[in-house]
Amino acid sequence: MPATPTPMIQQGSAQTPSGAAKLSPFARVANAVSWLAGRPFTFALCCLVIAAWAISGPFFQYSDTWQLVINTGTTIVTFLMVFLIQNTQNREGAALQVKLDELIRATREAHNKLVALEKRPEEEVERIREEVEHAAAKE
């Protein structure tokens, strides 16, 4: 009978009624903005903003201020989005690594040397990748 894997989840963390851990306000905002940024509606809205800006060009005689408005707006949005999306990606990547590490740990045939592989030097990762490819080719 195979051993039942024991979850490696820390007990006592703050949980919501649905069982999900409570996120910090920043993480909630980052998730919401990241989700909204990827929606077709958001893309369409941004296209409309750009179109409205372009159409307003003759009204403002294509002035430096007219150009500065779009340059400043897009720079600020881009600057803030980089950090929000990076935060979301970091958490999603870390969660995925934990899930994969747990699968490796719980599987008899898996090699435990693969756990936390993403934290090892690039040369070691490449060497192990070649070993895994070689072993897979033999099977």
C-alpha atoms as a PDB file:
ATOM      1  CA  MET A   1       0.000   0.000   0.000  1.00  0.00           C
ATOM      2  CA  PRO A   2       1.557   3.341  -1.033  1.00  0.00           C
ATOM      3  CA  ALA A   3       2.265   5.851   1.670  1.00  0.00           C
ATOM      4  CA  THR A   4      -0.219   8.692   1.869  1.00  0.00           C
ATOM      5  CA  PRO A   5       1.564  11.975   1.262  1.00  0.00           C
ATOM      6  CA  THR A   6       1.328  14.381   4.131  1.00  0.00           C
ATOM      7  CA  PRO A   7       0.571  17.959   3.186  1.00  0.00           C
ATOM      8  CA  MET A   8       3.365  20.382   3.961  1.00  0.00           C
ATOM      9  CA  ILE A   9       1.009  23.254   4.763  1.00  0.00           C
ATOM     10  CA  GLN A  10       1.690  25.362   7.811  1.00  0.00           C
ATOM     11  CA  GLN A  11      -1.160  25.218  10.275  1.00  0.00           C
ATOM     12  CA  GLY A  12      -2.637  28.275  11.930  1.00  0.00           C
ATOM     13  CA  SER A  13      -2.592  30.659   8.988  1.00  0.00           C
ATOM     14  CA  ALA A  14      -5.441  33.126   8.650  1.00  0.00           C
ATOM     15  CA  GLN A  15      -8.197  31.494   6.637  1.00  0.00           C
ATOM     16  CA  THR A  16     -11.391  32.792   5.104  1.00  0.00           C
ATOM     17  CA  PRO A  17     -14.614  30.791   5.501  1.00  0.00           C
ATOM     18  CA  SER A  18     -14.007  29.186   2.083  1.00  0.00           C
ATOM     19  CA  GLY A  19     -10.618  27.913   3.276  1.00  0.00           C
ATOM     20  CA  ALA A  20      -8.487  30.299   1.235  1.00  0.00           C
ATOM     21  CA  ALA A  21      -5.829  32.316   3.044  1.00  0.00           C
ATOM     22  CA  LYS A  22      -6.532  36.010   3.505  1.00  0.00           C
ATOM     23  CA  LEU A  23      -4.561  38.153   1.115  1.00  0.00           C
ATOM     24  CA  SER A  24      -2.986  41.450   2.032  1.00  0.00           C
ATOM     25  CA  PRO A  25      -4.724  44.545   0.641  1.00  0.00           C
ATOM     26  CA  PHE A  26      -1.856  44.994  -1.831  1.00  0.00           C
ATOM     27  CA  ALA A  27      -2.158  41.390  -3.032  1.00  0.00           C
ATOM     28  CA  ARG A  28      -5.920  41.767  -3.491  1.00  0.00           C
ATOM     29  CA  VAL A  29      -5.419  44.951  -5.534  1.00  0.00           C
ATOM     30  CA  ALA A  30      -2.611  43.327  -7.542  1.00  0.00           C
ATOM     31  CA  ASN A  31      -4.822  40.319  -8.337  1.00  0.00           C
ATOM     32  CA  ALA A  32      -7.760  42.507  -9.338  1.00  0.00           C
ATOM     33  CA  VAL A  33      -5.669  44.814 -11.529  1.00  0.00           C
ATOM     34  CA  SER A  34      -3.868  41.878 -13.128  1.00  0.00           C
ATOM     35  CA  TRP A  35      -7.198  40.196 -13.873  1.00  0.00           C
ATOM     36  CA  LEU A  36      -8.716  43.405 -15.262  1.00  0.00           C
ATOM     37  CA  ALA A  37      -5.640  44.176 -17.370  1.00  0.00           C
ATOM     38  CA  GLY A  38      -6.043  40.889 -19.208  1.00  0.00           C
ATOM     39  CA  ARG A  39      -9.705  41.360 -20.123  1.00  0.00           C
ATOM     40  CA  PRO A  40     -10.786  42.184 -23.700  1.00  0.00           C
ATOM     41  CA  PHE A  41     -12.930  45.017 -22.347  1.00  0.00           C
ATOM     42  CA  THR A  42      -9.854  46.678 -20.842  1.00  0.00           C
ATOM     43  CA  PHE A  43      -7.978  46.428 -24.131  1.00  0.00           C
ATOM     44  CA  ALA A  44     -10.949  47.930 -25.985  1.00  0.00           C
ATOM     45  CA  LEU A  45     -11.198  50.725 -23.415  1.00  0.00           C
ATOM     46  CA  CYS A  46      -7.509  51.540 -23.846  1.00  0.00           C
ATOM     47  CA  CYS A  47      -7.950  51.597 -27.626  1.00  0.00           C
ATOM     48  CA  LEU A  48     -10.841  54.047 -27.200  1.00  0.00           C
ATOM     49  CA  VAL A  49      -8.727  56.291 -24.964  1.00  0.00           C
ATOM     50  CA  ILE A  50      -5.951  56.348 -27.568  1.00  0.00           C
ATOM     51  CA  ALA A  51      -8.463  57.020 -30.356  1.00  0.00           C
ATOM     52  CA  ALA A  52     -10.045  59.869 -28.364  1.00  0.00           C
ATOM     53  CA  TRP A  53      -6.598  61.324 -27.719  1.00  0.00           C
ATOM     54  CA  ALA A  54      -5.649  61.082 -31.395  1.00  0.00           C
ATOM     55  CA  ILE A  55      -8.947  62.605 -32.537  1.00  0.00           C
ATOM     56  CA  SER A  56      -8.491  65.493 -30.091  1.00  0.00           C
ATOM     57  CA  GLY A  57      -5.117  66.342 -31.660  1.00  0.00           C
ATOM     58  CA  PRO A  58      -6.424  68.938 -34.144  1.00  0.00           C
ATOM     59  CA  PHE A  59      -8.509  70.595 -31.413  1.00  0.00           C
ATOM     60  CA  PHE A  60      -5.334  71.107 -29.333  1.00  0.00           C
ATOM     61  CA  GLN A  61      -3.228  71.896 -32.450  1.00  0.00           C
ATOM     62  CA  TYR A  62      -1.064  68.868 -31.678  1.00  0.00           C
ATOM     63  CA  SER A  63       0.569  70.891 -28.929  1.00  0.00           C
ATOM     64  CA  ASP A  64       3.339  69.775 -26.609  1.00  0.00           C
ATOM     65  CA  THR A  65       0.778  69.585 -23.790  1.00  0.00           C
ATOM     66  CA  TRP A  66      -1.431  67.315 -25.914  1.00  0.00           C
ATOM     67  CA  GLN A  67       1.516  64.981 -26.451  1.00  0.00           C
ATOM     68  CA  LEU A  68       2.603  65.227 -22.824  1.00  0.00           C
ATOM     69  CA  VAL A  69      -0.820  64.058 -21.617  1.00  0.00           C
ATOM     70  CA  ILE A  70      -0.602  60.696 -23.391  1.00  0.00           C
ATOM     71  CA  ASN A  71       3.105  60.263 -22.666  1.00  0.00           C
ATOM     72  CA  THR A  72       2.691  60.936 -18.964  1.00  0.00           C
ATOM     73  CA  GLY A  73      -0.465  58.859 -18.653  1.00  0.00           C
ATOM     74  CA  THR A  74       0.960  55.811 -20.392  1.00  0.00           C
ATOM     75  CA  THR A  75       4.249  56.068 -18.494  1.00  0.00           C
ATOM     76  CA  ILE A  76       2.509  56.185 -15.115  1.00  0.00           C
ATOM     77  CA  VAL A  77       0.165  53.309 -15.963  1.00  0.00           C
ATOM     78  CA  THR A  78       3.034  51.202 -17.317  1.00  0.00           C
ATOM     79  CA  PHE A  79       5.230  51.925 -14.298  1.00  0.00           C
ATOM     80  CA  LEU A  80       2.539  50.902 -11.821  1.00  0.00           C
ATOM     81  CA  MET A  81       1.383  47.879 -13.837  1.00  0.00           C
ATOM     82  CA  VAL A  82       4.889  46.429 -13.913  1.00  0.00           C
ATOM     83  CA  PHE A  83       4.956  46.171 -10.125  1.00  0.00           C
ATOM     84  CA  LEU A  84       1.389  44.938  -9.722  1.00  0.00           C
ATOM     85  CA  ILE A  85       1.692  42.260 -12.379  1.00  0.00           C
ATOM     86  CA  GLN A  86       5.148  41.232 -11.149  1.00  0.00           C
ATOM     87  CA  ASN A  87       3.728  40.773  -7.639  1.00  0.00           C
ATOM     88  CA  THR A  88       0.948  38.574  -8.993  1.00  0.00           C
ATOM     89  CA  GLN A  89       3.373  36.558 -11.125  1.00  0.00           C
ATOM     90  CA  ASN A  90       5.768  36.082  -8.199  1.00  0.00           C
ATOM     91  CA  ARG A  91       3.010  34.656  -6.006  1.00  0.00           C
ATOM     92  CA  GLU A  92       1.625  32.454  -8.781  1.00  0.00           C
ATOM     93  CA  GLY A  93       5.118  31.187  -9.625  1.00  0.00           C
ATOM     94  CA  ALA A  94       5.904  30.449  -5.987  1.00  0.00           C
ATOM     95  CA  ALA A  95       2.601  28.604  -5.550  1.00  0.00           C
ATOM     96  CA  LEU A  96       3.253  26.553  -8.670  1.00  0.00           C
ATOM     97  CA  GLN A  97       6.734  25.638  -7.442  1.00  0.00           C
ATOM     98  CA  VAL A  98       5.326  24.508  -4.080  1.00  0.00           C
ATOM     99  CA  LYS A  99       2.749  22.342  -5.856  1.00  0.00           C
ATOM    100  CA  LEU A 100       5.396  20.801  -8.086  1.00  0.00           C
ATOM    101  CA  ASP A 101       7.739  20.255  -5.149  1.00  0.00           C
ATOM    102  CA  GLU A 102       4.961  18.483  -3.259  1.00  0.00           C
ATOM    103  CA  LEU A 103       4.241  16.251  -6.260  1.00  0.00           C
ATOM    104  CA  ILE A 104       7.918  15.383  -6.539  1.00  0.00           C
ATOM    105  CA  ARG A 105       8.133  14.691  -2.810  1.00  0.00           C
ATOM    106  CA  ALA A 106       5.002  12.522  -2.813  1.00  0.00           C
ATOM    107  CA  THR A 107       5.901  10.437  -5.867  1.00  0.00           C
ATOM    108  CA  ARG A 108       8.144   7.431  -5.290  1.00  0.00           C
ATOM    109  CA  GLU A 109       9.609   7.469  -8.787  1.00  0.00           C
ATOM    110  CA  ALA A 110      10.448  11.192  -8.724  1.00  0.00           C
ATOM    111  CA  HIS A 111      13.894  12.427  -7.850  1.00  0.00           C
ATOM    112  CA  ASN A 112      13.991  14.617  -4.763  1.00  0.00           C
ATOM    113  CA  LYS A 113      16.965  16.472  -6.218  1.00  0.00           C
ATOM    114  CA  LEU A 114      14.420  18.279  -8.400  1.00  0.00           C
ATOM    115  CA  VAL A 115      12.769  19.945  -5.398  1.00  0.00           C
ATOM    116  CA  ALA A 116      13.532  23.692  -5.358  1.00  0.00           C
ATOM    117  CA  LEU A 117      15.505  23.337  -8.593  1.00  0.00           C
ATOM    118  CA  GLU A 118      14.566  26.903  -9.555  1.00  0.00           C
ATOM    119  CA  LYS A 119      16.759  28.192  -6.696  1.00  0.00           C
ATOM    120  CA  ARG A 120      19.921  26.461  -7.883  1.00  0.00           C
ATOM    121  CA  PRO A 121      22.661  27.894 -10.122  1.00  0.00           C
ATOM    122  CA  GLU A 122      21.890  27.956 -13.830  1.00  0.00           C
ATOM    123  CA  GLU A 123      24.690  25.514 -14.650  1.00  0.00           C
ATOM    124  CA  GLU A 124      23.306  22.953 -12.206  1.00  0.00           C
ATOM    125  CA  VAL A 125      19.792  23.367 -13.593  1.00  0.00           C
ATOM    126  CA  GLU A 126      21.105  22.797 -17.119  1.00  0.00           C
ATOM    127  CA  ARG A 127      23.064  19.696 -16.031  1.00  0.00           C
ATOM    128  CA  ILE A 128      20.009  18.203 -14.311  1.00  0.00           C
ATOM    129  CA  ARG A 129      17.812  19.051 -17.309  1.00  0.00           C
ATOM    130  CA  GLU A 130      20.199  17.127 -19.558  1.00  0.00           C
ATOM    131  CA  GLU A 131      20.167  14.169 -17.123  1.00  0.00           C
ATOM    132  CA  VAL A 132      16.359  14.111 -17.089  1.00  0.00           C
ATOM    133  CA  GLU A 133      16.181  14.342 -20.888  1.00  0.00           C
ATOM    134  CA  HIS A 134      18.719  11.516 -21.203  1.00  0.00           C
ATOM    135  CA  ALA A 135      16.766   9.335 -18.731  1.00  0.00           C
ATOM    136  CA  ALA A 136      13.493  10.074 -20.555  1.00  0.00           C
ATOM    137  CA  ALA A 137      15.056   9.121 -23.889  1.00  0.00           C
ATOM    138  CA  LYS A 138      16.070   5.735 -22.441  1.00  0.00           C
ATOM    139  CA  GLU A 139      12.504   4.924 -21.361  1.00  0.00           C
END
